[in-house]
């Protein structure tokens, strides 16, 4: 199997871009955990709902004062408000009950919520990838680890996608397993 240099450079660039996107999600999780001491793995799933909601508002046309706008500006305002309201409901009805409990309960609740949200998104909009592995690889509570983990996961996914596309997501999870076996706190985790 031979690869063109342009393809390799393109895939590495794609991996870096994907890593940066994952890094933004991981940094959000890290900030929330660092400031509030709450693990919310549903954070990324809520971003996902916001992105698909904005896309739907733009592509299907938004009913605003009786007129279909299809406006990016309307979606830019409406989608974050909708996701914010969903996030407030999640915090009020679910997370609030977990603040004083062991961290594993927060993890299980928000991981389960992530799976539910992903299934709903899949039912409504079709398939999509999952990305919360970055926080585990980078190390929970480490801002630098979130960035390093995101770039590593992005590059691994891009390069393995070039060689064996069908297994690229599985290889990312294998990477997470290897990191956890060798470094239980992640690459740069503190706890």
C-alpha atoms as a PDB file:
ATOM      1  CA  UNK A   1       0.000   0.000   0.000  1.00  0.00           C
ATOM      2  CA  UNK A   2       1.548   3.309  -1.076  1.00  0.00           C
ATOM      3  CA  UNK A   3       0.470   6.784  -0.109  1.00  0.00           C
ATOM      4  CA  UNK A   4       0.946  10.038  -1.927  1.00  0.00           C
ATOM      5  CA  UNK A   5       2.781  12.696   0.094  1.00  0.00           C
ATOM      6  CA  UNK A   6      -0.093  15.102  -0.502  1.00  0.00           C
ATOM      7  CA  UNK A   7      -2.532  12.585   0.987  1.00  0.00           C
ATOM      8  CA  UNK A   8      -0.367  12.088   4.061  1.00  0.00           C
ATOM      9  CA  UNK A   9       0.012  15.840   4.619  1.00  0.00           C
ATOM     10  CA  UNK A  10      -3.714  16.318   4.071  1.00  0.00           C
ATOM     11  CA  UNK A  11      -4.577  13.593   6.597  1.00  0.00           C
ATOM     12  CA  UNK A  12      -2.159  15.003   9.162  1.00  0.00           C
ATOM     13  CA  UNK A  13      -3.740  18.441   8.707  1.00  0.00           C
ATOM     14  CA  UNK A  14      -7.217  16.871   9.070  1.00  0.00           C
ATOM     15  CA  UNK A  15      -6.018  15.159  12.237  1.00  0.00           C
ATOM     16  CA  UNK A  16      -4.758  18.444  13.684  1.00  0.00           C
ATOM     17  CA  UNK A  17      -8.027  20.206  12.864  1.00  0.00           C
ATOM     18  CA  UNK A  18     -10.053  17.350  14.374  1.00  0.00           C
ATOM     19  CA  UNK A  19      -7.768  17.448  17.403  1.00  0.00           C
ATOM     20  CA  UNK A  20      -8.402  21.173  17.840  1.00  0.00           C
ATOM     21  CA  UNK A  21     -12.175  20.622  17.712  1.00  0.00           C
ATOM     22  CA  UNK A  22     -11.862  17.831  20.274  1.00  0.00           C
ATOM     23  CA  UNK A  23      -9.607  20.082  22.321  1.00  0.00           C
ATOM     24  CA  UNK A  24     -12.284  22.757  22.542  1.00  0.00           C
ATOM     25  CA  UNK A  25     -14.734  20.180  23.886  1.00  0.00           C
ATOM     26  CA  UNK A  26     -12.155  18.731  26.269  1.00  0.00           C
ATOM     27  CA  UNK A  27     -11.215  22.190  27.555  1.00  0.00           C
ATOM     28  CA  UNK A  28     -14.872  22.874  28.322  1.00  0.00           C
ATOM     29  CA  UNK A  29     -15.081  19.636  30.283  1.00  0.00           C
ATOM     30  CA  UNK A  30     -11.824  20.430  32.087  1.00  0.00           C
ATOM     31  CA  UNK A  31     -12.940  23.941  33.026  1.00  0.00           C
ATOM     32  CA  UNK A  32     -16.265  22.673  34.352  1.00  0.00           C
ATOM     33  CA  UNK A  33     -14.549  19.942  36.366  1.00  0.00           C
ATOM     34  CA  UNK A  34     -11.852  22.304  37.652  1.00  0.00           C
ATOM     35  CA  UNK A  35     -14.262  25.031  38.732  1.00  0.00           C
ATOM     36  CA  UNK A  36     -17.247  23.035  39.900  1.00  0.00           C
ATOM     37  CA  UNK A  37     -15.787  19.603  40.644  1.00  0.00           C
ATOM     38  CA  UNK A  38     -18.459  18.055  38.424  1.00  0.00           C
ATOM     39  CA  UNK A  39     -17.793  15.629  35.592  1.00  0.00           C
ATOM     40  CA  UNK A  40     -20.220  16.300  32.764  1.00  0.00           C
ATOM     41  CA  UNK A  41     -19.519  14.013  29.843  1.00  0.00           C
ATOM     42  CA  UNK A  42     -22.815  15.135  28.315  1.00  0.00           C
ATOM     43  CA  UNK A  43     -21.107  18.478  27.618  1.00  0.00           C
ATOM     44  CA  UNK A  44     -19.981  17.343  24.144  1.00  0.00           C
ATOM     45  CA  UNK A  45     -23.357  15.802  23.382  1.00  0.00           C
ATOM     46  CA  UNK A  46     -25.006  19.139  24.147  1.00  0.00           C
ATOM     47  CA  UNK A  47     -22.619  20.840  21.702  1.00  0.00           C
ATOM     48  CA  UNK A  48     -23.714  18.226  19.204  1.00  0.00           C
ATOM     49  CA  UNK A  49     -27.383  19.066  19.741  1.00  0.00           C
ATOM     50  CA  UNK A  50     -26.550  22.751  19.279  1.00  0.00           C
ATOM     51  CA  UNK A  51     -24.711  22.125  16.023  1.00  0.00           C
ATOM     52  CA  UNK A  52     -27.468  19.957  14.559  1.00  0.00           C
ATOM     53  CA  UNK A  53     -30.138  22.387  15.763  1.00  0.00           C
ATOM     54  CA  UNK A  54     -28.360  25.300  14.080  1.00  0.00           C
ATOM     55  CA  UNK A  55     -27.943  23.275  10.899  1.00  0.00           C
ATOM     56  CA  UNK A  56     -31.633  22.379  10.916  1.00  0.00           C
ATOM     57  CA  UNK A  57     -32.670  25.987  11.514  1.00  0.00           C
ATOM     58  CA  UNK A  58     -30.506  27.192   8.641  1.00  0.00           C
ATOM     59  CA  UNK A  59     -31.258  24.479   6.093  1.00  0.00           C
ATOM     60  CA  UNK A  60     -34.959  23.983   6.765  1.00  0.00           C
ATOM     61  CA  UNK A  61     -35.743  27.649   7.204  1.00  0.00           C
ATOM     62  CA  UNK A  62     -36.635  29.273  10.481  1.00  0.00           C
ATOM     63  CA  UNK A  63     -40.152  30.454  11.170  1.00  0.00           C
ATOM     64  CA  UNK A  64     -39.698  33.932  12.574  1.00  0.00           C
ATOM     65  CA  UNK A  65     -42.688  36.237  12.757  1.00  0.00           C
ATOM     66  CA  UNK A  66     -44.439  34.036  10.183  1.00  0.00           C
ATOM     67  CA  UNK A  67     -41.624  34.089   7.601  1.00  0.00           C
ATOM     68  CA  UNK A  68     -39.142  31.318   6.777  1.00  0.00           C
ATOM     69  CA  UNK A  69     -35.717  32.947   7.078  1.00  0.00           C
ATOM     70  CA  UNK A  70     -33.187  30.114   6.758  1.00  0.00           C
ATOM     71  CA  UNK A  71     -30.935  32.647   8.445  1.00  0.00           C
ATOM     72  CA  UNK A  72     -27.559  31.883   9.953  1.00  0.00           C
ATOM     73  CA  UNK A  73     -28.031  34.807  12.346  1.00  0.00           C
ATOM     74  CA  UNK A  74     -31.311  33.422  13.690  1.00  0.00           C
ATOM     75  CA  UNK A  75     -29.745  29.975  14.121  1.00  0.00           C
ATOM     76  CA  UNK A  76     -26.715  31.552  15.814  1.00  0.00           C
ATOM     77  CA  UNK A  77     -29.007  33.033  18.462  1.00  0.00           C
ATOM     78  CA  UNK A  78     -31.672  30.302  18.729  1.00  0.00           C
ATOM     79  CA  UNK A  79     -29.487  27.172  18.901  1.00  0.00           C
ATOM     80  CA  UNK A  80     -27.364  28.257  21.902  1.00  0.00           C
ATOM     81  CA  UNK A  81     -30.491  29.398  23.743  1.00  0.00           C
ATOM     82  CA  UNK A  82     -32.116  26.010  23.150  1.00  0.00           C
ATOM     83  CA  UNK A  83     -28.986  24.132  24.264  1.00  0.00           C
ATOM     84  CA  UNK A  84     -28.629  26.423  27.284  1.00  0.00           C
ATOM     85  CA  UNK A  85     -32.185  25.618  28.343  1.00  0.00           C
ATOM     86  CA  UNK A  86     -31.528  21.889  27.900  1.00  0.00           C
ATOM     87  CA  UNK A  87     -28.312  22.244  29.914  1.00  0.00           C
ATOM     88  CA  UNK A  88     -30.125  24.099  32.690  1.00  0.00           C
ATOM     89  CA  UNK A  89     -32.768  21.359  32.831  1.00  0.00           C
ATOM     90  CA  UNK A  90     -30.065  18.663  32.988  1.00  0.00           C
ATOM     91  CA  UNK A  91     -28.287  20.510  35.791  1.00  0.00           C
ATOM     92  CA  UNK A  92     -31.489  21.195  37.744  1.00  0.00           C
ATOM     93  CA  UNK A  93     -33.138  17.784  37.428  1.00  0.00           C
ATOM     94  CA  UNK A  94     -30.118  15.449  37.252  1.00  0.00           C
ATOM     95  CA  UNK A  95     -26.687  16.853  38.097  1.00  0.00           C
ATOM     96  CA  UNK A  96     -27.740  18.754  41.202  1.00  0.00           C
ATOM     97  CA  UNK A  97     -28.505  15.435  42.885  1.00  0.00           C
ATOM     98  CA  UNK A  98     -24.952  14.248  42.185  1.00  0.00           C
ATOM     99  CA  UNK A  99     -22.880  17.120  43.612  1.00  0.00           C
ATOM    100  CA  UNK A 100     -22.298  15.540  47.000  1.00  0.00           C
ATOM    101  CA  UNK A 101     -21.965  11.989  45.718  1.00  0.00           C
ATOM    102  CA  UNK A 102     -18.822  10.164  44.650  1.00  0.00           C
ATOM    103  CA  UNK A 103     -17.441  11.199  41.288  1.00  0.00           C
ATOM    104  CA  UNK A 104     -18.217   7.800  39.742  1.00  0.00           C
ATOM    105  CA  UNK A 105     -21.941   8.553  40.017  1.00  0.00           C
ATOM    106  CA  UNK A 106     -21.496  11.811  38.110  1.00  0.00           C
ATOM    107  CA  UNK A 107     -19.520   9.938  35.483  1.00  0.00           C
ATOM    108  CA  UNK A 108     -22.134   7.209  35.117  1.00  0.00           C
ATOM    109  CA  UNK A 109     -25.033   9.673  34.977  1.00  0.00           C
ATOM    110  CA  UNK A 110     -23.468  11.974  32.401  1.00  0.00           C
ATOM    111  CA  UNK A 111     -22.037   9.096  30.359  1.00  0.00           C
ATOM    112  CA  UNK A 112     -25.500   7.527  30.242  1.00  0.00           C
ATOM    113  CA  UNK A 113     -27.010  10.895  29.340  1.00  0.00           C
ATOM    114  CA  UNK A 114     -24.448  11.195  26.538  1.00  0.00           C
ATOM    115  CA  UNK A 115     -25.537   7.843  25.154  1.00  0.00           C
ATOM    116  CA  UNK A 116     -29.200   8.862  25.315  1.00  0.00           C
ATOM    117  CA  UNK A 117     -28.521  12.196  23.594  1.00  0.00           C
ATOM    118  CA  UNK A 118     -26.385  10.507  20.918  1.00  0.00           C
ATOM    119  CA  UNK A 119     -29.137   7.987  20.226  1.00  0.00           C
ATOM    120  CA  UNK A 120     -31.710  10.768  19.963  1.00  0.00           C
ATOM    121  CA  UNK A 121     -29.435  12.671  17.584  1.00  0.00           C
ATOM    122  CA  UNK A 122     -28.929   9.508  15.535  1.00  0.00           C
ATOM    123  CA  UNK A 123     -32.688   8.929  15.382  1.00  0.00           C
ATOM    124  CA  UNK A 124     -33.442  12.553  14.447  1.00  0.00           C
ATOM    125  CA  UNK A 125     -30.460  13.509  12.239  1.00  0.00           C
ATOM    126  CA  UNK A 126     -28.572  10.272  11.458  1.00  0.00           C
ATOM    127  CA  UNK A 127     -25.206   8.894  12.592  1.00  0.00           C
ATOM    128  CA  UNK A 128     -22.384  10.851  14.243  1.00  0.00           C
ATOM    129  CA  UNK A 129     -19.064  10.224  16.027  1.00  0.00           C
ATOM    130  CA  UNK A 130     -18.389  10.387  19.769  1.00  0.00           C
ATOM    131  CA  UNK A 131     -15.515  12.478  21.182  1.00  0.00           C
ATOM    132  CA  UNK A 132     -15.373  12.438  24.986  1.00  0.00           C
ATOM    133  CA  UNK A 133     -12.435   9.965  24.932  1.00  0.00           C
ATOM    134  CA  UNK A 134     -10.109  12.976  24.722  1.00  0.00           C
ATOM    135  CA  UNK A 135     -10.644  13.981  28.347  1.00  0.00           C
ATOM    136  CA  UNK A 136      -9.763  10.494  29.560  1.00  0.00           C
ATOM    137  CA  UNK A 137      -6.664  10.289  27.348  1.00  0.00           C
ATOM    138  CA  UNK A 138      -5.477  13.790  28.253  1.00  0.00           C
ATOM    139  CA  UNK A 139      -6.153  13.440  31.954  1.00  0.00           C
ATOM    140  CA  UNK A 140      -9.150  14.639  33.899  1.00  0.00           C
ATOM    141  CA  UNK A 141      -8.663  18.099  35.352  1.00  0.00           C
ATOM    142  CA  UNK A 142      -5.669  18.967  33.170  1.00  0.00           C
ATOM    143  CA  UNK A 143      -6.171  21.790  30.696  1.00  0.00           C
ATOM    144  CA  UNK A 144      -2.851  21.002  28.977  1.00  0.00           C
ATOM    145  CA  UNK A 145      -3.764  17.310  28.981  1.00  0.00           C
ATOM    146  CA  UNK A 146      -7.055  18.106  27.252  1.00  0.00           C
ATOM    147  CA  UNK A 147      -5.185  19.875  24.451  1.00  0.00           C
ATOM    148  CA  UNK A 148      -2.499  17.166  24.176  1.00  0.00           C
ATOM    149  CA  UNK A 149      -5.093  14.383  24.254  1.00  0.00           C
ATOM    150  CA  UNK A 150      -7.218  16.119  21.631  1.00  0.00           C
ATOM    151  CA  UNK A 151      -4.326  16.515  19.209  1.00  0.00           C
ATOM    152  CA  UNK A 152      -3.167  12.935  19.806  1.00  0.00           C
ATOM    153  CA  UNK A 153      -6.670  11.510  19.276  1.00  0.00           C
ATOM    154  CA  UNK A 154      -7.197  13.664  16.183  1.00  0.00           C
ATOM    155  CA  UNK A 155      -3.911  12.540  14.625  1.00  0.00           C
ATOM    156  CA  UNK A 156      -4.460   8.875  15.500  1.00  0.00           C
ATOM    157  CA  UNK A 157      -7.967   8.954  14.011  1.00  0.00           C
ATOM    158  CA  UNK A 158      -6.783  10.681  10.823  1.00  0.00           C
ATOM    159  CA  UNK A 159      -3.761   8.445  10.243  1.00  0.00           C
ATOM    160  CA  UNK A 160      -5.591   5.198  11.033  1.00  0.00           C
ATOM    161  CA  UNK A 161      -8.468   6.398   8.874  1.00  0.00           C
ATOM    162  CA  UNK A 162      -6.025   6.533   5.993  1.00  0.00           C
ATOM    163  CA  UNK A 163      -4.855   2.949   6.563  1.00  0.00           C
ATOM    164  CA  UNK A 164      -7.978   1.259   7.963  1.00  0.00           C
ATOM    165  CA  UNK A 165     -10.926   3.674   7.955  1.00  0.00           C
ATOM    166  CA  UNK A 166     -13.454   1.193   9.319  1.00  0.00           C
ATOM    167  CA  UNK A 167     -11.428   0.672  12.480  1.00  0.00           C
ATOM    168  CA  UNK A 168     -10.325   4.251  13.171  1.00  0.00           C
ATOM    169  CA  UNK A 169     -12.886   4.823  15.947  1.00  0.00           C
ATOM    170  CA  UNK A 170     -12.063   1.470  17.550  1.00  0.00           C
ATOM    171  CA  UNK A 171      -8.368   2.314  17.469  1.00  0.00           C
ATOM    172  CA  UNK A 172      -9.090   5.595  19.294  1.00  0.00           C
ATOM    173  CA  UNK A 173     -10.802   3.594  22.052  1.00  0.00           C
ATOM    174  CA  UNK A 174      -7.848   1.175  22.061  1.00  0.00           C
ATOM    175  CA  UNK A 175      -5.563   4.196  22.520  1.00  0.00           C
ATOM    176  CA  UNK A 176      -7.679   5.232  25.508  1.00  0.00           C
ATOM    177  CA  UNK A 177      -7.381   1.731  26.993  1.00  0.00           C
ATOM    178  CA  UNK A 178      -3.583   1.693  26.539  1.00  0.00           C
ATOM    179  CA  UNK A 179      -3.228   5.151  28.118  1.00  0.00           C
ATOM    180  CA  UNK A 180      -5.384   4.109  31.082  1.00  0.00           C
ATOM    181  CA  UNK A 181      -3.390   0.910  31.618  1.00  0.00           C
ATOM    182  CA  UNK A 182      -0.034   2.690  31.453  1.00  0.00           C
ATOM    183  CA  UNK A 183      -1.090   6.011  33.024  1.00  0.00           C
ATOM    184  CA  UNK A 184      -4.358   5.633  34.995  1.00  0.00           C
ATOM    185  CA  UNK A 185      -4.685   9.429  35.371  1.00  0.00           C
ATOM    186  CA  UNK A 186      -4.240  10.062  31.636  1.00  0.00           C
ATOM    187  CA  UNK A 187      -1.313  11.739  29.903  1.00  0.00           C
ATOM    188  CA  UNK A 188      -1.201  14.818  32.156  1.00  0.00           C
ATOM    189  CA  UNK A 189      -3.953  14.134  34.710  1.00  0.00           C
ATOM    190  CA  UNK A 190      -3.671  15.309  38.292  1.00  0.00           C
ATOM    191  CA  UNK A 191      -6.071  12.921  40.042  1.00  0.00           C
END
